[in-house]
Amino acid sequence: MNMLLSELLELIAQGEGAKLEFKRDDLRPETLAREIVAFANTHGGKILIGVEDDGEIGGMQRDNLQSWLMDTVIRDYVNPPIVPDYEEVAVNGKRIAVVSVPMGIS
């Protein structure tokens, strides 16, 4: 997918909405799983991890966020499993994870 920095900044400027959520990277796995399932049950959406609710970019602290997402959040809390697209974008030396959740099929 390869989101451009300008596209990410534009998303953040729009603010949270029906298809966009901001999350800190210290969230609990069941909280993230709820967001993923909610997006899959509607029209899909994006979760930006490392962004505060007010749009401030805090960045990610975890080095293994993608593994944690797949091995803990998806495996343990999402049934049937949903495989979101995952990428990281650097913003002023901070990493933001972009988790794109497709609309579910069932």
N, C-alpha and C. Protein backbone atom coordinates (compact mmCIF):
# COMPACT_ATOMS: atom_id res chain seq x y z
N MET A 1 0.82 -1.19 0.00
CA MET A 1 0.00 0.00 0.00
C MET A 1 0.87 1.26 0.00
N ASN A 2 1.82 1.37 0.91
CA ASN A 2 2.78 2.47 0.98
C ASN A 2 2.13 3.86 1.02
N MET A 3 1.62 4.20 2.19
CA MET A 3 1.01 5.51 2.39
C MET A 3 2.10 6.56 2.43
N LEU A 4 1.86 7.66 1.77
CA LEU A 4 2.79 8.78 1.78
C LEU A 4 2.62 9.58 3.06
N LEU A 5 3.68 10.25 3.48
CA LEU A 5 3.62 11.09 4.67
C LEU A 5 2.52 12.13 4.53
N SER A 6 2.39 12.73 3.35
CA SER A 6 1.36 13.76 3.14
C SER A 6 -0.04 13.17 3.31
N GLU A 7 -0.25 11.93 2.86
CA GLU A 7 -1.56 11.28 3.02
C GLU A 7 -1.86 11.03 4.50
N LEU A 8 -0.84 10.59 5.25
CA LEU A 8 -1.03 10.35 6.68
C LEU A 8 -1.37 11.65 7.41
N LEU A 9 -0.64 12.72 7.12
CA LEU A 9 -0.89 14.00 7.78
C LEU A 9 -2.28 14.52 7.43
N GLU A 10 -2.73 14.28 6.21
CA GLU A 10 -4.08 14.69 5.81
C GLU A 10 -5.14 13.92 6.60
N LEU A 11 -4.93 12.61 6.78
CA LEU A 11 -5.85 11.80 7.59
C LEU A 11 -5.93 12.33 9.02
N ILE A 12 -4.77 12.61 9.61
CA ILE A 12 -4.74 13.09 10.98
C ILE A 12 -5.46 14.43 11.09
N ALA A 13 -5.27 15.30 10.10
CA ALA A 13 -5.92 16.62 10.10
C ALA A 13 -7.44 16.50 10.03
N GLN A 14 -7.95 15.45 9.36
CA GLN A 14 -9.40 15.24 9.27
C GLN A 14 -10.00 14.91 10.62
N GLY A 15 -9.23 14.28 11.48
CA GLY A 15 -9.73 13.89 12.79
C GLY A 15 -10.45 12.56 12.74
N GLU A 16 -10.76 12.05 13.92
CA GLU A 16 -11.43 10.76 14.01
C GLU A 16 -12.83 10.83 13.43
N GLY A 17 -13.30 9.71 12.92
CA GLY A 17 -14.64 9.65 12.35
C GLY A 17 -15.08 8.21 12.21
N ALA A 18 -16.08 7.99 11.39
CA ALA A 18 -16.67 6.66 11.23
C ALA A 18 -15.68 5.65 10.66
N LYS A 19 -14.67 6.12 9.93
CA LYS A 19 -13.72 5.21 9.30
C LYS A 19 -12.28 5.46 9.74
N LEU A 20 -12.10 6.22 10.84
CA LEU A 20 -10.75 6.55 11.28
C LEU A 20 -10.72 6.67 12.80
N GLU A 21 -9.78 5.96 13.42
CA GLU A 21 -9.58 6.01 14.87
C GLU A 21 -8.12 6.27 15.17
N PHE A 22 -7.85 7.08 16.19
CA PHE A 22 -6.50 7.32 16.68
C PHE A 22 -6.32 6.55 17.98
N LYS A 23 -5.18 5.90 18.15
CA LYS A 23 -4.89 5.14 19.37
C LYS A 23 -3.45 5.35 19.78
N ARG A 24 -3.22 5.41 21.08
CA ARG A 24 -1.86 5.37 21.61
C ARG A 24 -1.37 3.94 21.50
N ASP A 25 -0.08 3.73 21.54
CA ASP A 25 0.40 2.35 21.40
C ASP A 25 0.41 1.59 22.71
N ASP A 26 -0.05 2.20 23.80
CA ASP A 26 -0.13 1.48 25.07
C ASP A 26 -1.51 0.87 25.30
N LEU A 27 -2.30 0.76 24.22
CA LEU A 27 -3.64 0.22 24.39
C LEU A 27 -3.63 -1.28 24.66
N ARG A 28 -4.70 -1.73 25.28
CA ARG A 28 -4.84 -3.14 25.63
C ARG A 28 -5.27 -3.92 24.38
N PRO A 29 -4.88 -5.19 24.27
CA PRO A 29 -5.21 -5.96 23.07
C PRO A 29 -6.71 -6.07 22.83
N GLU A 30 -7.50 -6.23 23.89
CA GLU A 30 -8.95 -6.36 23.68
C GLU A 30 -9.57 -5.06 23.17
N THR A 31 -8.98 -3.92 23.53
CA THR A 31 -9.47 -2.63 23.04
C THR A 31 -9.23 -2.51 21.54
N LEU A 32 -8.03 -2.86 21.11
CA LEU A 32 -7.71 -2.81 19.69
C LEU A 32 -8.55 -3.83 18.92
N ALA A 33 -8.75 -5.00 19.48
CA ALA A 33 -9.56 -6.03 18.82
C ALA A 33 -10.99 -5.52 18.61
N ARG A 34 -11.55 -4.82 19.61
CA ARG A 34 -12.91 -4.27 19.47
C ARG A 34 -13.00 -3.29 18.31
N GLU A 35 -11.98 -2.44 18.17
CA GLU A 35 -11.96 -1.48 17.07
C GLU A 35 -11.88 -2.19 15.71
N ILE A 36 -11.03 -3.20 15.64
CA ILE A 36 -10.88 -3.96 14.38
C ILE A 36 -12.20 -4.62 14.00
N VAL A 37 -12.84 -5.27 14.95
CA VAL A 37 -14.11 -5.95 14.68
C VAL A 37 -15.19 -4.94 14.30
N ALA A 38 -15.23 -3.80 14.99
CA ALA A 38 -16.23 -2.78 14.68
C ALA A 38 -16.07 -2.29 13.24
N PHE A 39 -14.84 -2.03 12.80
CA PHE A 39 -14.61 -1.60 11.42
C PHE A 39 -14.99 -2.71 10.44
N ALA A 40 -14.62 -3.94 10.74
CA ALA A 40 -14.93 -5.05 9.84
C ALA A 40 -16.44 -5.25 9.72
N ASN A 41 -17.17 -4.98 10.79
CA ASN A 41 -18.62 -5.16 10.78
C ASN A 41 -19.36 -4.00 10.09
N THR A 42 -18.65 -2.93 9.77
CA THR A 42 -19.27 -1.82 9.04
C THR A 42 -18.64 -1.75 7.66
N HIS A 43 -17.99 -0.66 7.35
CA HIS A 43 -17.44 -0.49 6.01
C HIS A 43 -15.92 -0.50 5.96
N GLY A 44 -15.30 -1.02 7.03
CA GLY A 44 -13.84 -0.99 7.10
C GLY A 44 -13.37 0.36 7.60
N GLY A 45 -12.06 0.49 7.80
CA GLY A 45 -11.51 1.76 8.27
C GLY A 45 -10.05 1.63 8.61
N LYS A 46 -9.50 2.72 9.12
CA LYS A 46 -8.08 2.77 9.48
C LYS A 46 -7.94 3.12 10.95
N ILE A 47 -6.96 2.48 11.59
CA ILE A 47 -6.59 2.79 12.96
C ILE A 47 -5.15 3.28 12.90
N LEU A 48 -4.93 4.49 13.40
CA LEU A 48 -3.59 5.05 13.44
C LEU A 48 -3.06 4.90 14.86
N ILE A 49 -2.06 4.06 15.03
CA ILE A 49 -1.50 3.80 16.35
C ILE A 49 -0.24 4.66 16.51
N GLY A 50 -0.23 5.42 17.60
CA GLY A 50 0.84 6.37 17.84
C GLY A 50 0.34 7.80 17.70
N VAL A 51 -1.00 7.95 17.61
CA VAL A 51 -1.63 9.27 17.48
C VAL A 51 -2.62 9.43 18.63
N GLU A 52 -2.54 10.57 19.32
CA GLU A 52 -3.45 10.86 20.43
C GLU A 52 -4.84 11.22 19.88
N ASP A 53 -5.85 11.18 20.74
CA ASP A 53 -7.22 11.52 20.33
C ASP A 53 -7.31 12.92 19.72
N ASP A 54 -6.46 13.84 20.19
CA ASP A 54 -6.52 15.21 19.67
C ASP A 54 -5.68 15.39 18.39
N GLY A 55 -5.11 14.30 17.88
CA GLY A 55 -4.32 14.36 16.65
C GLY A 55 -2.84 14.57 16.87
N GLU A 56 -2.43 14.74 18.12
CA GLU A 56 -1.01 14.90 18.41
C GLU A 56 -0.27 13.60 18.11
N ILE A 57 0.88 13.70 17.48
CA ILE A 57 1.66 12.52 17.11
C ILE A 57 2.61 12.18 18.25
N GLY A 58 2.30 11.10 18.95
CA GLY A 58 3.15 10.64 20.05
C GLY A 58 4.15 9.60 19.58
N GLY A 59 3.80 8.91 18.51
CA GLY A 59 4.66 7.86 18.00
C GLY A 59 4.48 6.56 18.76
N MET A 60 5.09 5.52 18.24
CA MET A 60 5.01 4.19 18.85
C MET A 60 6.25 3.93 19.68
N GLN A 61 6.06 3.26 20.80
CA GLN A 61 7.19 2.86 21.64
C GLN A 61 7.56 1.40 21.40
N ARG A 62 6.57 0.58 21.07
CA ARG A 62 6.82 -0.85 20.85
C ARG A 62 7.65 -1.06 19.59
N ASP A 63 8.61 -1.96 19.68
CA ASP A 63 9.40 -2.31 18.50
C ASP A 63 8.71 -3.38 17.68
N ASN A 64 7.85 -4.16 18.31
CA ASN A 64 7.27 -5.34 17.66
C ASN A 64 5.76 -5.20 17.50
N LEU A 65 5.28 -4.01 17.17
CA LEU A 65 3.84 -3.79 17.13
C LEU A 65 3.14 -4.70 16.12
N GLN A 66 3.72 -4.91 14.95
CA GLN A 66 3.07 -5.76 13.96
C GLN A 66 2.94 -7.20 14.47
N SER A 67 3.97 -7.72 15.10
CA SER A 67 3.90 -9.08 15.65
C SER A 67 2.87 -9.14 16.77
N TRP A 68 2.84 -8.14 17.64
CA TRP A 68 1.86 -8.09 18.72
C TRP A 68 0.44 -8.04 18.16
N LEU A 69 0.25 -7.25 17.11
CA LEU A 69 -1.06 -7.14 16.47
C LEU A 69 -1.52 -8.50 15.96
N MET A 70 -0.67 -9.19 15.24
CA MET A 70 -1.07 -10.46 14.63
C MET A 70 -1.09 -11.61 15.65
N ASP A 71 -0.06 -11.69 16.49
CA ASP A 71 0.11 -12.85 17.37
C ASP A 71 -0.70 -12.75 18.66
N THR A 72 -1.05 -11.57 19.08
CA THR A 72 -1.83 -11.43 20.32
C THR A 72 -3.24 -10.94 20.02
N VAL A 73 -3.33 -9.77 19.40
CA VAL A 73 -4.65 -9.16 19.19
C VAL A 73 -5.52 -10.02 18.27
N ILE A 74 -5.05 -10.30 17.07
CA ILE A 74 -5.86 -11.04 16.10
C ILE A 74 -6.07 -12.48 16.54
N ARG A 75 -5.00 -13.16 16.89
CA ARG A 75 -5.10 -14.58 17.24
C ARG A 75 -5.97 -14.81 18.47
N ASP A 76 -5.81 -13.98 19.49
CA ASP A 76 -6.48 -14.25 20.76
C ASP A 76 -7.84 -13.57 20.92
N TYR A 77 -8.11 -12.50 20.18
CA TYR A 77 -9.32 -11.72 20.45
C TYR A 77 -10.26 -11.52 19.26
N VAL A 78 -9.84 -11.90 18.05
CA VAL A 78 -10.68 -11.67 16.87
C VAL A 78 -11.04 -13.01 16.25
N ASN A 79 -12.36 -13.31 16.24
CA ASN A 79 -12.81 -14.59 15.71
C ASN A 79 -14.09 -14.38 14.91
N PRO A 80 -14.11 -14.74 13.63
CA PRO A 80 -13.01 -15.31 12.85
C PRO A 80 -11.92 -14.26 12.63
N PRO A 81 -10.68 -14.73 12.44
CA PRO A 81 -9.57 -13.80 12.30
C PRO A 81 -9.75 -12.88 11.09
N ILE A 82 -9.36 -11.64 11.26
CA ILE A 82 -9.36 -10.65 10.19
C ILE A 82 -7.90 -10.26 10.01
N VAL A 83 -7.44 -10.20 8.79
CA VAL A 83 -6.04 -9.83 8.55
C VAL A 83 -6.01 -8.42 7.97
N PRO A 84 -5.72 -7.44 8.82
CA PRO A 84 -5.64 -6.07 8.31
C PRO A 84 -4.31 -5.82 7.61
N ASP A 85 -4.29 -4.80 6.75
CA ASP A 85 -3.02 -4.34 6.18
C ASP A 85 -2.31 -3.55 7.26
N TYR A 86 -1.00 -3.67 7.30
CA TYR A 86 -0.20 -2.98 8.32
C TYR A 86 0.97 -2.31 7.65
N GLU A 87 1.20 -1.07 7.99
CA GLU A 87 2.42 -0.40 7.55
C GLU A 87 2.80 0.65 8.58
N GLU A 88 4.03 1.07 8.54
CA GLU A 88 4.51 2.11 9.44
C GLU A 88 5.00 3.28 8.60
N VAL A 89 4.68 4.49 9.09
CA VAL A 89 5.09 5.71 8.41
C VAL A 89 5.85 6.55 9.43
N ALA A 90 7.01 7.08 9.03
CA ALA A 90 7.81 7.93 9.91
C ALA A 90 7.35 9.37 9.78
N VAL A 91 7.14 10.01 10.94
CA VAL A 91 6.74 11.42 10.99
C VAL A 91 7.67 12.11 11.98
N ASN A 92 8.53 12.96 11.50
CA ASN A 92 9.46 13.70 12.36
C ASN A 92 10.19 12.78 13.34
N GLY A 93 10.69 11.67 12.85
CA GLY A 93 11.45 10.74 13.68
C GLY A 93 10.61 9.82 14.55
N LYS A 94 9.29 9.92 14.45
CA LYS A 94 8.40 9.04 15.22
C LYS A 94 7.69 8.11 14.25
N ARG A 95 7.41 6.89 14.71
CA ARG A 95 6.74 5.90 13.87
C ARG A 95 5.24 5.87 14.19
N ILE A 96 4.44 5.86 13.14
CA ILE A 96 2.99 5.71 13.25
C ILE A 96 2.62 4.42 12.52
N ALA A 97 1.82 3.57 13.18
CA ALA A 97 1.33 2.36 12.51
C ALA A 97 -0.02 2.68 11.89
N VAL A 98 -0.18 2.27 10.64
CA VAL A 98 -1.44 2.43 9.93
C VAL A 98 -2.02 1.03 9.75
N VAL A 99 -3.11 0.76 10.46
CA VAL A 99 -3.78 -0.55 10.39
C VAL A 99 -5.06 -0.35 9.59
N SER A 100 -5.08 -0.92 8.38
CA SER A 100 -6.24 -0.78 7.50
C SER A 100 -7.08 -2.03 7.57
N VAL A 101 -8.30 -1.88 8.07
CA VAL A 101 -9.19 -3.01 8.30
C VAL A 101 -10.19 -3.08 7.16
N PRO A 102 -10.24 -4.21 6.44
CA PRO A 102 -11.21 -4.35 5.37
C PRO A 102 -12.61 -4.60 5.92
N MET A 103 -13.62 -4.33 5.10
CA MET A 103 -14.98 -4.68 5.46
C MET A 103 -15.06 -6.21 5.54
N GLY A 104 -15.69 -6.73 6.60
CA GLY A 104 -15.82 -8.17 6.76
C GLY A 104 -16.72 -8.78 5.70
N ILE A 105 -16.56 -10.07 5.49
CA ILE A 105 -17.36 -10.77 4.49
C ILE A 105 -18.49 -11.57 5.09
N SER A 106 -18.53 -11.66 6.43
CA SER A 106 -19.63 -12.40 7.04
C SER A 106 -20.16 -11.69 8.26
